[in-house]
Amino acid sequence: MSNHTKLIREIEDYVRRRGIAETTFGRMAAGDTYFVSRLRKGGSLLVRTEERVRDFMKRPLPTRPKRAKEPANV
């Protein structure tokens, strides 16, 4: 299995476990919403980008501040 294929599988596993979309992952990890799609289509990958993506997957996901719930209209 090539490094390219291995990275794609690791990303697929990561997004499945984290419950995020691949486009969200791409934006957060590589600054490109089409990152995973481009990889699948055989797009090139710089070593520094691969390192940045792998480093991203090692860190916990950033948390969003919780919004106050609005009362239901009755």
C-alpha atoms as a PDB file:
ATOM      1  CA  MET A   1       0.000   0.000   0.000  1.00  0.00           C
ATOM      2  CA  SER A   2       1.400   3.400  -0.955  1.00  0.00           C
ATOM      3  CA  ASN A   3       1.817   6.232   1.543  1.00  0.00           C
ATOM      4  CA  HIS A   4      -0.844   8.118  -0.398  1.00  0.00           C
ATOM      5  CA  THR A   5      -3.393   5.310   0.003  1.00  0.00           C
ATOM      6  CA  LYS A   6      -2.446   4.814   3.645  1.00  0.00           C
ATOM      7  CA  LEU A   7      -2.993   8.502   4.404  1.00  0.00           C
ATOM      8  CA  ILE A   8      -6.409   8.457   2.727  1.00  0.00           C
ATOM      9  CA  ARG A   9      -7.458   5.455   4.834  1.00  0.00           C
ATOM     10  CA  GLU A  10      -6.195   7.122   8.007  1.00  0.00           C
ATOM     11  CA  ILE A  11      -8.177  10.245   7.158  1.00  0.00           C
ATOM     12  CA  GLU A  12     -11.318   8.205   6.437  1.00  0.00           C
ATOM     13  CA  ASP A  13     -10.956   6.475   9.804  1.00  0.00           C
ATOM     14  CA  TYR A  14     -10.325   9.779  11.556  1.00  0.00           C
ATOM     15  CA  VAL A  15     -13.391  11.554  10.162  1.00  0.00           C
ATOM     16  CA  ARG A  16     -15.588   8.530  10.878  1.00  0.00           C
ATOM     17  CA  ARG A  17     -14.419   8.352  14.507  1.00  0.00           C
ATOM     18  CA  ARG A  18     -14.708  12.112  15.008  1.00  0.00           C
ATOM     19  CA  GLY A  19     -18.028  12.459  13.215  1.00  0.00           C
ATOM     20  CA  ILE A  20     -16.906  15.260  10.930  1.00  0.00           C
ATOM     21  CA  ALA A  21     -17.235  15.705   7.187  1.00  0.00           C
ATOM     22  CA  GLU A  22     -14.220  15.184   4.949  1.00  0.00           C
ATOM     23  CA  THR A  23     -14.584  18.757   3.724  1.00  0.00           C
ATOM     24  CA  THR A  24     -14.446  20.010   7.305  1.00  0.00           C
ATOM     25  CA  PHE A  25     -11.373  17.889   7.911  1.00  0.00           C
ATOM     26  CA  GLY A  26      -9.714  19.257   4.791  1.00  0.00           C
ATOM     27  CA  ARG A  27     -10.421  22.848   5.792  1.00  0.00           C
ATOM     28  CA  MET A  28      -9.157  22.357   9.333  1.00  0.00           C
ATOM     29  CA  ALA A  29      -6.121  20.193   8.567  1.00  0.00           C
ATOM     30  CA  ALA A  30      -4.917  21.519   5.224  1.00  0.00           C
ATOM     31  CA  GLY A  31      -6.829  24.725   4.565  1.00  0.00           C
ATOM     32  CA  ASP A  32      -8.573  23.118   1.575  1.00  0.00           C
ATOM     33  CA  THR A  33     -12.138  21.797   1.673  1.00  0.00           C
ATOM     34  CA  TYR A  34     -11.392  19.599  -1.361  1.00  0.00           C
ATOM     35  CA  PHE A  35      -8.194  18.146   0.113  1.00  0.00           C
ATOM     36  CA  VAL A  36      -9.467  14.568   0.563  1.00  0.00           C
ATOM     37  CA  SER A  37     -11.245  14.580  -2.784  1.00  0.00           C
ATOM     38  CA  ARG A  38      -8.077  15.734  -4.527  1.00  0.00           C
ATOM     39  CA  LEU A  39      -6.052  12.993  -2.814  1.00  0.00           C
ATOM     40  CA  ARG A  40      -8.522  10.344  -3.989  1.00  0.00           C
ATOM     41  CA  LYS A  41      -8.217  11.616  -7.543  1.00  0.00           C
ATOM     42  CA  GLY A  42      -4.436  11.203  -7.383  1.00  0.00           C
ATOM     43  CA  GLY A  43      -3.494  14.771  -6.539  1.00  0.00           C
ATOM     44  CA  SER A  44       0.056  15.434  -5.451  1.00  0.00           C
ATOM     45  CA  LEU A  45       0.946  15.942  -1.824  1.00  0.00           C
ATOM     46  CA  LEU A  46       3.848  17.943  -0.461  1.00  0.00           C
ATOM     47  CA  VAL A  47       5.757  16.338   2.395  1.00  0.00           C
ATOM     48  CA  ARG A  48       5.136  19.359   4.608  1.00  0.00           C
ATOM     49  CA  THR A  49       1.383  19.137   3.931  1.00  0.00           C
ATOM     50  CA  GLU A  50       1.346  15.444   4.831  1.00  0.00           C
ATOM     51  CA  GLU A  51       3.224  16.239   8.049  1.00  0.00           C
ATOM     52  CA  ARG A  52       0.771  19.034   8.888  1.00  0.00           C
ATOM     53  CA  VAL A  53      -2.206  16.720   8.286  1.00  0.00           C
ATOM     54  CA  ARG A  54      -0.721  13.913  10.383  1.00  0.00           C
ATOM     55  CA  ASP A  55       0.072  16.389  13.182  1.00  0.00           C
ATOM     56  CA  PHE A  56      -3.517  17.640  13.030  1.00  0.00           C
ATOM     57  CA  MET A  57      -4.858  14.101  13.463  1.00  0.00           C
ATOM     58  CA  LYS A  58      -2.741  13.653  16.606  1.00  0.00           C
ATOM     59  CA  ARG A  59      -4.297  16.661  18.354  1.00  0.00           C
ATOM     60  CA  PRO A  60      -7.749  16.778  19.936  1.00  0.00           C
ATOM     61  CA  LEU A  61     -10.415  18.480  17.853  1.00  0.00           C
ATOM     62  CA  PRO A  62     -10.991  22.120  18.748  1.00  0.00           C
ATOM     63  CA  THR A  63     -14.206  22.589  20.676  1.00  0.00           C
ATOM     64  CA  ARG A  64     -16.865  25.088  19.756  1.00  0.00           C
ATOM     65  CA  PRO A  65     -18.349  27.330  22.414  1.00  0.00           C
ATOM     66  CA  LYS A  66     -21.807  26.087  23.318  1.00  0.00           C
ATOM     67  CA  ARG A  67     -24.670  28.318  22.323  1.00  0.00           C
ATOM     68  CA  ALA A  68     -27.365  29.168  24.825  1.00  0.00           C
ATOM     69  CA  LYS A  69     -30.541  27.294  24.037  1.00  0.00           C
ATOM     70  CA  GLU A  70     -33.417  29.453  22.983  1.00  0.00           C
ATOM     71  CA  PRO A  71     -36.782  28.758  24.586  1.00  0.00           C
ATOM     72  CA  ALA A  72     -39.231  26.915  22.367  1.00  0.00           C
ATOM     73  CA  ASN A  73     -42.143  28.939  21.044  1.00  0.00           C
ATOM     74  CA  VAL A  74     -45.272  27.644  22.663  1.00  0.00           C
END
